[in-house]
Amino acid sequence: MHVLGIETSCDETAAAVLDDRRKTLSSVVLTQDAIHAPYGGVVPELASRQHLATIGRVVGEALRRAEIPLECIDAYAATQGPGLVGSLLVGLSFAKALAYYFEKPLAGVDHVEAHIEAAFLENPNLPFPAVALVVSGGHTALFFLKKRLHYRLLGRTRDDAAGEALDKIAKFLGLGYPGGPVIEKWAATGDAERFVFALPRMKDTSLDFSFSGLKTAALRLIGETDMSDSHPRLADFLASFEEAVVRALVTNLGRAAKRFNPASFILCGGVARNKRLRRGFEELARSSGVAAFIPSPALCTDNAAMVAALGLEKLKTAKKASWPLDLDAYPRFNATRE
């Protein structure tokens, strides 16, 4: 059995082919960074137009690398949401057309859940229960998994996502796009204790996140110190801000561990590539006596292998395949707390 996965939730056009042993036969990701860089962020209309122009070639390249003809694909998986609705509709519509024409099943996949699934691609025997921290440019959330395909939302950001906060500070300073990797490069040589940022705290006992306060504090410091790309303390400032974001994430993960006593921690999403975050995550896991799992860097950013893997799991457990034309895109993260 071969599954073709398609991912177009934001500004990466991606396709991948997996077999029923969950082996990745191909994974192709076409980024749009150069298109959006002049604007300091993703322009939805440009993103969807670029997906339209490249989706056929990306899928074709994935099939070529997998050495699997299109007619030999047994099932399809595509991201339904959350994301930019115009971008989502390109990939989902393409998959629906293929599934309808070849009369093959199609699984609609949640983008956030697919990021968690990336950890299982490389660690199929990951022990349960698990607490997953999803950190990306658009999402920051904590989930509890007592078994496969069971996602209980523990906490989510109430404003900016962690990656979004990093991107906005980089944009304000004119450092380039995407902002997270640029900040990480600068911060590597900085003193993370030079500037002090207070961690955001919820007034209730929830495990929610908030990064707008950190962003506002950073903007205030930028104004007070005339911070710029030529300032001698820029590396220290960015290291301190990055450290504050990491501490906010890891602190909440630690609070979740005390409440739910997991056997595993999962760190996933685009920001999971950040070295400072990976170190903080692994240090917390060691001190808590919990196994730590982080996907390889290529599986942290948006990709279609994670979409195909989750689609395969859903198709295996589905009692009846959904009619492809019934699937629709949804722009917002719609998980509910139990």
C-alpha atoms as a PDB file:
ATOM      1  CA  MET A   1       0.000   0.000   0.000  1.00  0.00           C
ATOM      2  CA  HIS A   2       1.277   3.463  -0.923  1.00  0.00           C
ATOM      3  CA  VAL A   3      -0.044   6.760   0.449  1.00  0.00           C
ATOM      4  CA  LEU A   4       0.494  10.156  -1.165  1.00  0.00           C
ATOM      5  CA  GLY A   5       0.493  13.039   1.316  1.00  0.00           C
ATOM      6  CA  ILE A   6      -0.018  16.690   0.361  1.00  0.00           C
ATOM      7  CA  GLU A   7       0.676  19.715   2.588  1.00  0.00           C
ATOM      8  CA  THR A   8      -0.126  23.344   1.644  1.00  0.00           C
ATOM      9  CA  SER A   9      -1.278  24.902   4.913  1.00  0.00           C
ATOM     10  CA  CYS A  10       0.950  27.989   4.696  1.00  0.00           C
ATOM     11  CA  ASP A  11       3.870  28.783   2.407  1.00  0.00           C
ATOM     12  CA  GLU A  12       5.466  25.369   1.769  1.00  0.00           C
ATOM     13  CA  THR A  13       4.229  23.209  -1.079  1.00  0.00           C
ATOM     14  CA  ALA A  14       4.980  19.639  -0.046  1.00  0.00           C
ATOM     15  CA  ALA A  15       4.269  16.086  -1.191  1.00  0.00           C
ATOM     16  CA  ALA A  16       5.481  12.723   0.094  1.00  0.00           C
ATOM     17  CA  VAL A  17       4.945   9.017  -0.557  1.00  0.00           C
ATOM     18  CA  LEU A  18       4.877   6.460   2.288  1.00  0.00           C
ATOM     19  CA  ASP A  19       4.330   2.715   2.193  1.00  0.00           C
ATOM     20  CA  ASP A  20       2.197   0.768   4.682  1.00  0.00           C
ATOM     21  CA  ARG A  21       5.287   0.067   6.819  1.00  0.00           C
ATOM     22  CA  ARG A  22       5.505   3.846   7.284  1.00  0.00           C
ATOM     23  CA  LYS A  23       8.734   4.035   5.306  1.00  0.00           C
ATOM     24  CA  THR A  24       9.180   7.410   3.613  1.00  0.00           C
ATOM     25  CA  LEU A  25       9.834   6.707  -0.057  1.00  0.00           C
ATOM     26  CA  SER A  26      10.046  10.392  -0.962  1.00  0.00           C
ATOM     27  CA  SER A  27       9.495  13.799   0.601  1.00  0.00           C
ATOM     28  CA  VAL A  28       9.593  17.013  -1.402  1.00  0.00           C
ATOM     29  CA  VAL A  29       9.226  20.491   0.111  1.00  0.00           C
ATOM     30  CA  LEU A  30       9.253  23.669  -1.965  1.00  0.00           C
ATOM     31  CA  THR A  31       9.629  26.782   0.179  1.00  0.00           C
ATOM     32  CA  GLN A  32       8.410  30.281  -0.664  1.00  0.00           C
ATOM     33  CA  ASP A  33      10.805  32.185   1.616  1.00  0.00           C
ATOM     34  CA  ALA A  34      12.275  34.254  -1.223  1.00  0.00           C
ATOM     35  CA  ILE A  35       8.792  35.357  -2.344  1.00  0.00           C
ATOM     36  CA  HIS A  36       7.654  36.555   1.088  1.00  0.00           C
ATOM     37  CA  ALA A  37      10.985  37.897   2.402  1.00  0.00           C
ATOM     38  CA  PRO A  38      10.460  41.450   1.014  1.00  0.00           C
ATOM     39  CA  TYR A  39       7.256  41.714   3.083  1.00  0.00           C
ATOM     40  CA  GLY A  40       8.704  40.318   6.335  1.00  0.00           C
ATOM     41  CA  GLY A  41       5.964  37.691   6.531  1.00  0.00           C
ATOM     42  CA  VAL A  42       3.681  35.427   4.515  1.00  0.00           C
ATOM     43  CA  VAL A  43       1.303  37.198   2.118  1.00  0.00           C
ATOM     44  CA  PRO A  44      -1.721  34.843   1.837  1.00  0.00           C
ATOM     45  CA  GLU A  45      -2.651  35.737  -1.740  1.00  0.00           C
ATOM     46  CA  LEU A  46       0.903  35.237  -2.986  1.00  0.00           C
ATOM     47  CA  ALA A  47       1.165  31.946  -1.094  1.00  0.00           C
ATOM     48  CA  SER A  48      -1.975  30.458  -2.619  1.00  0.00           C
ATOM     49  CA  ARG A  49      -0.996  31.585  -6.130  1.00  0.00           C
ATOM     50  CA  GLN A  50       2.408  29.966  -5.755  1.00  0.00           C
ATOM     51  CA  HIS A  51       0.818  26.721  -4.566  1.00  0.00           C
ATOM     52  CA  LEU A  52      -1.368  26.725  -7.672  1.00  0.00           C
ATOM     53  CA  ALA A  53       1.657  27.209  -9.893  1.00  0.00           C
ATOM     54  CA  THR A  54       3.784  24.465  -8.307  1.00  0.00           C
ATOM     55  CA  ILE A  55       1.539  21.782  -6.774  1.00  0.00           C
ATOM     56  CA  GLY A  56       1.557  19.601  -9.899  1.00  0.00           C
ATOM     57  CA  ARG A  57       5.333  19.665 -10.225  1.00  0.00           C
ATOM     58  CA  VAL A  58       5.899  18.980  -6.522  1.00  0.00           C
ATOM     59  CA  VAL A  59       3.560  15.965  -6.534  1.00  0.00           C
ATOM     60  CA  GLY A  60       5.158  14.735  -9.759  1.00  0.00           C
ATOM     61  CA  GLU A  61       8.634  15.003  -8.244  1.00  0.00           C
ATOM     62  CA  ALA A  62       7.540  13.086  -5.137  1.00  0.00           C
ATOM     63  CA  LEU A  63       6.189  10.275  -7.312  1.00  0.00           C
ATOM     64  CA  ARG A  64       9.345  10.263  -9.450  1.00  0.00           C
ATOM     65  CA  ARG A  65      11.645   9.992  -6.423  1.00  0.00           C
ATOM     66  CA  ALA A  66       9.504   7.227  -4.922  1.00  0.00           C
ATOM     67  CA  GLU A  67       9.485   5.427  -8.290  1.00  0.00           C
ATOM     68  CA  ILE A  68       5.732   4.948  -7.936  1.00  0.00           C
ATOM     69  CA  PRO A  69       3.367   5.814 -10.824  1.00  0.00           C
ATOM     70  CA  LEU A  70       0.303   7.853  -9.910  1.00  0.00           C
ATOM     71  CA  GLU A  71      -2.080   5.021 -10.742  1.00  0.00           C
ATOM     72  CA  CYS A  72      -0.332   2.810  -8.140  1.00  0.00           C
ATOM     73  CA  ILE A  73      -1.109   5.158  -5.244  1.00  0.00           C
ATOM     74  CA  ASP A  74      -3.614   3.384  -2.984  1.00  0.00           C
ATOM     75  CA  ALA A  75      -4.741   6.298  -0.788  1.00  0.00           C
ATOM     76  CA  TYR A  76      -4.324  10.030  -0.316  1.00  0.00           C
ATOM     77  CA  ALA A  77      -3.894  12.308   2.680  1.00  0.00           C
ATOM     78  CA  ALA A  78      -4.089  16.103   2.650  1.00  0.00           C
ATOM     79  CA  THR A  79      -4.021  18.848   5.238  1.00  0.00           C
ATOM     80  CA  GLN A  80      -7.506  20.260   5.933  1.00  0.00           C
ATOM     81  CA  GLY A  81      -6.435  22.881   8.458  1.00  0.00           C
ATOM     82  CA  PRO A  82      -5.624  24.954  10.325  1.00  0.00           C
ATOM     83  CA  GLY A  83      -3.812  27.374   8.055  1.00  0.00           C
ATOM     84  CA  LEU A  84      -4.345  29.938   5.318  1.00  0.00           C
ATOM     85  CA  VAL A  85      -7.634  28.906   3.761  1.00  0.00           C
ATOM     86  CA  GLY A  86      -6.576  29.807   0.199  1.00  0.00           C
ATOM     87  CA  SER A  87      -3.418  27.736   0.534  1.00  0.00           C
ATOM     88  CA  LEU A  88      -5.248  24.844   2.178  1.00  0.00           C
ATOM     89  CA  LEU A  89      -7.813  24.696  -0.617  1.00  0.00           C
ATOM     90  CA  VAL A  90      -5.123  24.248  -3.278  1.00  0.00           C
ATOM     91  CA  GLY A  91      -3.665  21.100  -1.738  1.00  0.00           C
ATOM     92  CA  LEU A  92      -6.966  19.691  -0.513  1.00  0.00           C
ATOM     93  CA  SER A  93      -8.700  20.258  -3.860  1.00  0.00           C
ATOM     94  CA  PHE A  94      -5.798  18.651  -5.714  1.00  0.00           C
ATOM     95  CA  ALA A  95      -6.010  15.566  -3.466  1.00  0.00           C
ATOM     96  CA  LYS A  96      -9.809  15.416  -3.739  1.00  0.00           C
ATOM     97  CA  ALA A  97      -9.588  15.457  -7.536  1.00  0.00           C
ATOM     98  CA  LEU A  98      -7.070  12.602  -7.568  1.00  0.00           C
ATOM     99  CA  ALA A  99      -9.077  10.537  -5.067  1.00  0.00           C
ATOM    100  CA  TYR A 100     -12.287  11.088  -7.030  1.00  0.00           C
ATOM    101  CA  TYR A 101     -10.716  10.237 -10.402  1.00  0.00           C
ATOM    102  CA  PHE A 102      -8.916   7.095  -9.215  1.00  0.00           C
ATOM    103  CA  GLU A 103     -11.695   6.130  -6.769  1.00  0.00           C
ATOM    104  CA  LYS A 104      -9.257   5.811  -3.871  1.00  0.00           C
ATOM    105  CA  PRO A 105      -9.745   6.805  -0.203  1.00  0.00           C
ATOM    106  CA  LEU A 106      -8.694  10.224   1.060  1.00  0.00           C
ATOM    107  CA  ALA A 107      -7.946  11.183   4.675  1.00  0.00           C
ATOM    108  CA  GLY A 108      -8.250  14.782   5.804  1.00  0.00           C
ATOM    109  CA  VAL A 109      -5.491  15.602   8.282  1.00  0.00           C
ATOM    110  CA  ASP A 110      -5.152  18.250  10.987  1.00  0.00           C
ATOM    111  CA  HIS A 111      -1.878  20.135  10.569  1.00  0.00           C
ATOM    112  CA  VAL A 112      -1.146  20.414  14.316  1.00  0.00           C
ATOM    113  CA  GLU A 113      -1.807  16.707  14.898  1.00  0.00           C
ATOM    114  CA  ALA A 114       0.433  15.901  11.920  1.00  0.00           C
ATOM    115  CA  HIS A 115       3.336  17.694  13.624  1.00  0.00           C
ATOM    116  CA  ILE A 116       2.900  15.348  16.604  1.00  0.00           C
ATOM    117  CA  GLU A 117       2.760  12.371  14.248  1.00  0.00           C
ATOM    118  CA  ALA A 118       6.229  13.320  12.941  1.00  0.00           C
ATOM    119  CA  ALA A 119       7.701  12.019  16.209  1.00  0.00           C
ATOM    120  CA  PHE A 120       6.073   8.603  15.651  1.00  0.00           C
ATOM    121  CA  LEU A 121       7.521   8.361  12.139  1.00  0.00           C
ATOM    122  CA  GLU A 122      10.995   7.987  13.644  1.00  0.00           C
ATOM    123  CA  ASN A 123       9.929   6.481  16.989  1.00  0.00           C
ATOM    124  CA  PRO A 124       7.032   4.064  16.349  1.00  0.00           C
ATOM    125  CA  ASN A 125       7.322   2.537  19.837  1.00  0.00           C
ATOM    126  CA  LEU A 126       7.193   5.842  21.685  1.00  0.00           C
ATOM    127  CA  PRO A 127       5.790   5.032  25.166  1.00  0.00           C
ATOM    128  CA  PHE A 128       2.450   6.328  26.420  1.00  0.00           C
ATOM    129  CA  PRO A 129       1.098   8.392  28.003  1.00  0.00           C
ATOM    130  CA  ALA A 130       2.847  11.335  26.340  1.00  0.00           C
ATOM    131  CA  VAL A 131       2.735  15.114  26.592  1.00  0.00           C
ATOM    132  CA  ALA A 132       3.401  16.889  23.286  1.00  0.00           C
ATOM    133  CA  LEU A 133       4.540  20.499  22.936  1.00  0.00           C
ATOM    134  CA  VAL A 134       3.769  21.877  19.471  1.00  0.00           C
ATOM    135  CA  VAL A 135       5.683  25.084  18.704  1.00  0.00           C
ATOM    136  CA  SER A 136       5.560  26.833  15.340  1.00  0.00           C
ATOM    137  CA  GLY A 137       5.061  30.201  13.719  1.00  0.00           C
ATOM    138  CA  GLY A 138       1.303  29.859  13.889  1.00  0.00           C
ATOM    139  CA  HIS A 139       0.670  27.495  16.814  1.00  0.00           C
ATOM    140  CA  THR A 140       1.819  26.891  20.371  1.00  0.00           C
ATOM    141  CA  ALA A 141      -0.065  24.192  22.265  1.00  0.00           C
ATOM    142  CA  LEU A 142       0.248  21.335  24.752  1.00  0.00           C
ATOM    143  CA  PHE A 143      -1.464  17.971  24.228  1.00  0.00           C
ATOM    144  CA  PHE A 144      -1.878  14.847  26.333  1.00  0.00           C
ATOM    145  CA  LEU A 145      -1.899  11.530  24.452  1.00  0.00           C
ATOM    146  CA  LYS A 146      -2.914   8.396  26.306  1.00  0.00           C
ATOM    147  CA  LYS A 147      -2.771   6.397  23.048  1.00  0.00           C
ATOM    148  CA  ARG A 148      -2.367   6.855  19.292  1.00  0.00           C
ATOM    149  CA  LEU A 149      -4.762   9.303  17.620  1.00  0.00           C
ATOM    150  CA  HIS A 150      -5.936  10.554  21.010  1.00  0.00           C
ATOM    151  CA  TYR A 151      -5.255  14.288  21.406  1.00  0.00           C
ATOM    152  CA  ARG A 152      -6.392  16.032  24.558  1.00  0.00           C
ATOM    153  CA  LEU A 153      -5.695  19.764  24.466  1.00  0.00           C
ATOM    154  CA  LEU A 154      -4.084  20.951  27.719  1.00  0.00           C
ATOM    155  CA  GLY A 155      -3.142  24.509  26.824  1.00  0.00           C
ATOM    156  CA  ARG A 156      -2.714  26.858  23.902  1.00  0.00           C
ATOM    157  CA  THR A 157      -1.495  30.367  23.246  1.00  0.00           C
ATOM    158  CA  ARG A 158      -3.994  33.100  24.043  1.00  0.00           C
ATOM    159  CA  ASP A 159      -2.361  35.558  21.630  1.00  0.00           C
ATOM    160  CA  ASP A 160       0.867  35.258  19.626  1.00  0.00           C
ATOM    161  CA  ALA A 161       2.463  31.896  18.948  1.00  0.00           C
ATOM    162  CA  ALA A 162       6.077  31.526  20.074  1.00  0.00           C
ATOM    163  CA  GLY A 163       7.414  31.504  16.524  1.00  0.00           C
ATOM    164  CA  GLU A 164       5.249  34.484  15.638  1.00  0.00           C
ATOM    165  CA  ALA A 165       6.744  36.499  18.517  1.00  0.00           C
ATOM    166  CA  LEU A 166      10.270  35.708  17.296  1.00  0.00           C
ATOM    167  CA  ASP A 167       9.367  36.623  13.722  1.00  0.00           C
ATOM    168  CA  LYS A 168       7.816  39.938  14.742  1.00  0.00           C
ATOM    169  CA  ILE A 169      10.866  41.061  16.729  1.00  0.00           C
ATOM    170  CA  ALA A 170      13.143  40.147  13.825  1.00  0.00           C
ATOM    171  CA  LYS A 171      10.890  42.056  11.445  1.00  0.00           C
ATOM    172  CA  PHE A 172      10.806  45.142  13.696  1.00  0.00           C
ATOM    173  CA  LEU A 173      14.620  45.159  13.800  1.00  0.00           C
ATOM    174  CA  GLY A 174      14.871  44.565  10.054  1.00  0.00           C
ATOM    175  CA  LEU A 175      16.929  41.393  10.491  1.00  0.00           C
ATOM    176  CA  GLY A 176      15.331  39.374   7.697  1.00  0.00           C
ATOM    177  CA  TYR A 177      12.787  36.607   7.138  1.00  0.00           C
ATOM    178  CA  PRO A 178      12.065  34.026   8.449  1.00  0.00           C
ATOM    179  CA  GLY A 179      12.843  35.654  11.782  1.00  0.00           C
ATOM    180  CA  GLY A 180      13.280  32.636  14.064  1.00  0.00           C
ATOM    181  CA  PRO A 181      16.416  31.223  12.389  1.00  0.00           C
ATOM    182  CA  VAL A 182      17.879  34.738  12.030  1.00  0.00           C
ATOM    183  CA  ILE A 183      17.432  35.408  15.751  1.00  0.00           C
ATOM    184  CA  GLU A 184      18.916  32.013  16.628  1.00  0.00           C
ATOM    185  CA  LYS A 185      22.032  32.788  14.576  1.00  0.00           C
ATOM    186  CA  TRP A 186      22.545  36.145  16.292  1.00  0.00           C
ATOM    187  CA  ALA A 187      21.684  34.768  19.747  1.00  0.00           C
ATOM    188  CA  ALA A 188      24.294  31.998  19.522  1.00  0.00           C
ATOM    189  CA  THR A 189      27.049  34.485  20.394  1.00  0.00           C
ATOM    190  CA  GLY A 190      25.061  36.545  22.918  1.00  0.00           C
ATOM    191  CA  ASP A 191      24.756  36.654  26.702  1.00  0.00           C
ATOM    192  CA  ALA A 192      21.253  35.397  27.550  1.00  0.00           C
ATOM    193  CA  GLU A 193      21.441  36.982  31.032  1.00  0.00           C
ATOM    194  CA  ARG A 194      22.229  40.495  29.849  1.00  0.00           C
ATOM    195  CA  PHE A 195      18.573  41.578  29.561  1.00  0.00           C
ATOM    196  CA  VAL A 196      15.852  40.441  31.959  1.00  0.00           C
ATOM    197  CA  PHE A 197      12.383  39.451  30.727  1.00  0.00           C
ATOM    198  CA  ALA A 198       9.657  38.472  33.179  1.00  0.00           C
ATOM    199  CA  LEU A 199       7.809  35.291  32.252  1.00  0.00           C
ATOM    200  CA  PRO A 200       4.093  35.656  31.511  1.00  0.00           C
ATOM    201  CA  ARG A 201       1.840  34.121  34.142  1.00  0.00           C
ATOM    202  CA  MET A 202      -1.786  33.095  33.842  1.00  0.00           C
ATOM    203  CA  LYS A 203      -4.127  34.351  36.568  1.00  0.00           C
ATOM    204  CA  ASP A 204      -5.883  30.984  36.538  1.00  0.00           C
ATOM    205  CA  THR A 205      -4.349  27.501  36.817  1.00  0.00           C
ATOM    206  CA  SER A 206      -4.498  26.761  33.093  1.00  0.00           C
ATOM    207  CA  LEU A 207      -1.576  25.572  31.004  1.00  0.00           C
ATOM    208  CA  ASP A 208      -2.139  28.270  28.389  1.00  0.00           C
ATOM    209  CA  PHE A 209       0.662  30.356  26.909  1.00  0.00           C
ATOM    210  CA  SER A 210       0.956  34.081  26.226  1.00  0.00           C
ATOM    211  CA  PHE A 211       3.747  35.782  24.295  1.00  0.00           C
ATOM    212  CA  SER A 212       2.299  39.225  23.578  1.00  0.00           C
ATOM    213  CA  GLY A 213       3.645  40.539  26.899  1.00  0.00           C
ATOM    214  CA  LEU A 214       7.169  39.317  26.104  1.00  0.00           C
ATOM    215  CA  LYS A 215       6.918  40.883  22.659  1.00  0.00           C
ATOM    216  CA  THR A 216       5.736  44.214  24.135  1.00  0.00           C
ATOM    217  CA  ALA A 217       8.571  44.189  26.693  1.00  0.00           C
ATOM    218  CA  ALA A 218      11.072  43.523  23.905  1.00  0.00           C
ATOM    219  CA  LEU A 219       9.705  46.365  21.802  1.00  0.00           C
ATOM    220  CA  ARG A 220       9.930  48.697  24.791  1.00  0.00           C
ATOM    221  CA  LEU A 221      13.577  47.745  25.353  1.00  0.00           C
ATOM    222  CA  ILE A 222      14.312  48.267  21.673  1.00  0.00           C
ATOM    223  CA  GLY A 223      12.999  51.815  21.983  1.00  0.00           C
ATOM    224  CA  GLU A 224      14.778  52.555  25.265  1.00  0.00           C
ATOM    225  CA  THR A 225      18.166  51.274  24.060  1.00  0.00           C
ATOM    226  CA  ASP A 226      17.940  52.331  20.396  1.00  0.00           C
ATOM    227  CA  MET A 227      18.527  48.688  19.532  1.00  0.00           C
ATOM    228  CA  SER A 228      19.348  48.033  15.870  1.00  0.00           C
ATOM    229  CA  ASP A 229      21.307  45.634  13.694  1.00  0.00           C
ATOM    230  CA  SER A 230      24.424  47.718  14.406  1.00  0.00           C
ATOM    231  CA  HIS A 231      23.989  47.907  18.194  1.00  0.00           C
ATOM    232  CA  PRO A 232      26.892  46.275  20.122  1.00  0.00           C
ATOM    233  CA  ARG A 233      24.442  44.493  22.440  1.00  0.00           C
ATOM    234  CA  LEU A 234      22.147  43.111  19.750  1.00  0.00           C
ATOM    235  CA  ALA A 235      23.346  39.518  20.181  1.00  0.00           C
ATOM    236  CA  ASP A 236      22.828  39.768  23.961  1.00  0.00           C
ATOM    237  CA  PHE A 237      19.344  41.241  23.489  1.00  0.00           C
ATOM    238  CA  LEU A 238      18.275  38.517  21.074  1.00  0.00           C
ATOM    239  CA  ALA A 239      19.792  35.758  23.229  1.00  0.00           C
ATOM    240  CA  SER A 240      17.898  37.106  26.248  1.00  0.00           C
ATOM    241  CA  PHE A 241      14.616  37.284  24.335  1.00  0.00           C
ATOM    242  CA  GLU A 242      15.070  33.808  22.865  1.00  0.00           C
ATOM    243  CA  GLU A 243      15.884  32.462  26.333  1.00  0.00           C
ATOM    244  CA  ALA A 244      12.694  34.017  27.749  1.00  0.00           C
ATOM    245  CA  VAL A 245      10.582  32.384  25.046  1.00  0.00           C
ATOM    246  CA  VAL A 246      12.222  29.020  25.731  1.00  0.00           C
ATOM    247  CA  ARG A 247      11.753  29.337  29.504  1.00  0.00           C
ATOM    248  CA  ALA A 248       8.058  30.116  29.018  1.00  0.00           C
ATOM    249  CA  LEU A 249       7.629  26.999  26.887  1.00  0.00           C
ATOM    250  CA  VAL A 250       9.656  24.641  29.069  1.00  0.00           C
ATOM    251  CA  THR A 251       8.121  25.933  32.312  1.00  0.00           C
ATOM    252  CA  ASN A 252       4.619  25.128  31.096  1.00  0.00           C
ATOM    253  CA  LEU A 253       5.744  21.715  29.901  1.00  0.00           C
ATOM    254  CA  GLY A 254       7.157  21.034  33.356  1.00  0.00           C
ATOM    255  CA  ARG A 255       3.857  22.032  34.966  1.00  0.00           C
ATOM    256  CA  ALA A 256       2.022  19.640  32.636  1.00  0.00           C
ATOM    257  CA  ALA A 257       4.410  16.825  33.563  1.00  0.00           C
ATOM    258  CA  LYS A 258       3.644  17.228  37.265  1.00  0.00           C
ATOM    259  CA  ARG A 259      -0.104  17.028  36.606  1.00  0.00           C
ATOM    260  CA  PHE A 260      -0.173  14.151  34.119  1.00  0.00           C
ATOM    261  CA  ASN A 261       2.947  12.072  34.901  1.00  0.00           C
ATOM    262  CA  PRO A 262       3.791  11.158  31.284  1.00  0.00           C
ATOM    263  CA  ALA A 263       6.196   8.462  30.146  1.00  0.00           C
ATOM    264  CA  SER A 264       7.271  10.575  27.157  1.00  0.00           C
ATOM    265  CA  PHE A 265       7.753  14.181  26.101  1.00  0.00           C
ATOM    266  CA  ILE A 266       7.337  15.173  22.446  1.00  0.00           C
ATOM    267  CA  LEU A 267       8.652  18.443  21.014  1.00  0.00           C
ATOM    268  CA  CYS A 268       7.549  19.236  17.473  1.00  0.00           C
ATOM    269  CA  GLY A 269       6.758  22.037  15.039  1.00  0.00           C
ATOM    270  CA  GLY A 270       9.027  24.407  13.135  1.00  0.00           C
ATOM    271  CA  VAL A 271      10.417  26.128  16.243  1.00  0.00           C
ATOM    272  CA  ALA A 272      11.508  22.701  17.547  1.00  0.00           C
ATOM    273  CA  ARG A 273      14.558  23.130  15.305  1.00  0.00           C
ATOM    274  CA  ASN A 274      15.805  25.853  17.660  1.00  0.00           C
ATOM    275  CA  LYS A 275      18.909  24.580  19.498  1.00  0.00           C
ATOM    276  CA  ARG A 276      18.239  26.517  22.707  1.00  0.00           C
ATOM    277  CA  LEU A 277      14.713  25.083  22.899  1.00  0.00           C
ATOM    278  CA  ARG A 278      15.948  21.558  22.199  1.00  0.00           C
ATOM    279  CA  ARG A 279      18.505  21.849  25.007  1.00  0.00           C
ATOM    280  CA  GLY A 280      15.939  23.173  27.469  1.00  0.00           C
ATOM    281  CA  PHE A 281      13.486  20.453  26.494  1.00  0.00           C
ATOM    282  CA  GLU A 282      16.069  17.681  26.923  1.00  0.00           C
ATOM    283  CA  GLU A 283      17.266  19.088  30.271  1.00  0.00           C
ATOM    284  CA  LEU A 284      13.697  19.099  31.595  1.00  0.00           C
ATOM    285  CA  ALA A 285      13.184  15.516  30.388  1.00  0.00           C
ATOM    286  CA  ARG A 286      16.353  14.339  32.137  1.00  0.00           C
ATOM    287  CA  SER A 287      15.500  16.066  35.411  1.00  0.00           C
ATOM    288  CA  SER A 288      11.939  14.684  35.258  1.00  0.00           C
ATOM    289  CA  GLY A 289      12.990  11.138  34.357  1.00  0.00           C
ATOM    290  CA  VAL A 290      10.874  11.250  31.194  1.00  0.00           C
ATOM    291  CA  ALA A 291      11.866   9.967  27.736  1.00  0.00           C
ATOM    292  CA  ALA A 292      12.329  12.814  25.231  1.00  0.00           C
ATOM    293  CA  PHE A 293      11.497  12.658  21.526  1.00  0.00           C
ATOM    294  CA  ILE A 294      12.148  15.357  18.920  1.00  0.00           C
ATOM    295  CA  PRO A 295      11.701  14.767  15.169  1.00  0.00           C
ATOM    296  CA  SER A 296      14.736  15.339  12.977  1.00  0.00           C
ATOM    297  CA  PRO A 297      14.949  18.939  11.681  1.00  0.00           C
ATOM    298  CA  ALA A 298      13.472  18.076   8.269  1.00  0.00           C
ATOM    299  CA  LEU A 299      10.372  16.655   9.970  1.00  0.00           C
ATOM    300  CA  CYS A 300       9.958  19.637  12.328  1.00  0.00           C
ATOM    301  CA  THR A 301       9.127  22.141   9.603  1.00  0.00           C
ATOM    302  CA  ASP A 302       6.020  21.756   7.431  1.00  0.00           C
ATOM    303  CA  ASN A 303       6.273  18.604   5.320  1.00  0.00           C
ATOM    304  CA  ALA A 304       4.001  16.037   3.712  1.00  0.00           C
ATOM    305  CA  ALA A 305       5.591  12.916   5.213  1.00  0.00           C
ATOM    306  CA  MET A 306       3.930  13.678   8.555  1.00  0.00           C
ATOM    307  CA  VAL A 307       0.634  14.262   6.730  1.00  0.00           C
ATOM    308  CA  ALA A 308       0.879  10.942   4.884  1.00  0.00           C
ATOM    309  CA  ALA A 309       1.800   9.124   8.122  1.00  0.00           C
ATOM    310  CA  LEU A 310      -1.176  10.496  10.036  1.00  0.00           C
ATOM    311  CA  GLY A 311      -3.457   9.865   7.072  1.00  0.00           C
ATOM    312  CA  LEU A 312      -2.287   6.252   6.966  1.00  0.00           C
ATOM    313  CA  GLU A 313      -3.059   5.785  10.682  1.00  0.00           C
ATOM    314  CA  LYS A 314      -6.511   7.322  10.267  1.00  0.00           C
ATOM    315  CA  LEU A 315      -7.318   5.152   7.253  1.00  0.00           C
ATOM    316  CA  LYS A 316      -6.223   2.020   9.129  1.00  0.00           C
ATOM    317  CA  THR A 317      -8.596   2.734  12.013  1.00  0.00           C
ATOM    318  CA  ALA A 318     -11.511   4.164  10.006  1.00  0.00           C
ATOM    319  CA  LYS A 319     -14.584   1.965   9.895  1.00  0.00           C
ATOM    320  CA  LYS A 320     -15.663   3.584   6.663  1.00  0.00           C
ATOM    321  CA  ALA A 321     -13.719   5.864   4.343  1.00  0.00           C
ATOM    322  CA  SER A 322     -15.214   9.337   3.989  1.00  0.00           C
ATOM    323  CA  TRP A 323     -16.374  10.484   0.575  1.00  0.00           C
ATOM    324  CA  PRO A 324     -13.561  12.731  -0.735  1.00  0.00           C
ATOM    325  CA  LEU A 325     -15.877  15.512  -1.868  1.00  0.00           C
ATOM    326  CA  ASP A 326     -17.262  15.918   1.666  1.00  0.00           C
ATOM    327  CA  LEU A 327     -13.947  17.232   3.020  1.00  0.00           C
ATOM    328  CA  ASP A 328     -13.493  20.982   3.384  1.00  0.00           C
ATOM    329  CA  ALA A 329     -10.707  23.249   4.612  1.00  0.00           C
ATOM    330  CA  TYR A 330     -10.849  24.996   7.980  1.00  0.00           C
ATOM    331  CA  PRO A 331      -8.596  27.979   8.753  1.00  0.00           C
ATOM    332  CA  ARG A 332      -8.571  27.930  12.559  1.00  0.00           C
ATOM    333  CA  PHE A 333      -7.174  25.563  15.135  1.00  0.00           C
ATOM    334  CA  ASN A 334     -10.405  24.005  16.436  1.00  0.00           C
ATOM    335  CA  ALA A 335      -9.285  21.464  19.063  1.00  0.00           C
ATOM    336  CA  THR A 336     -11.385  21.503  22.229  1.00  0.00           C
ATOM    337  CA  ARG A 337     -10.381  20.783  25.770  1.00  0.00           C
ATOM    338  CA  GLU A 338     -11.707  17.682  27.514  1.00  0.00           C
END
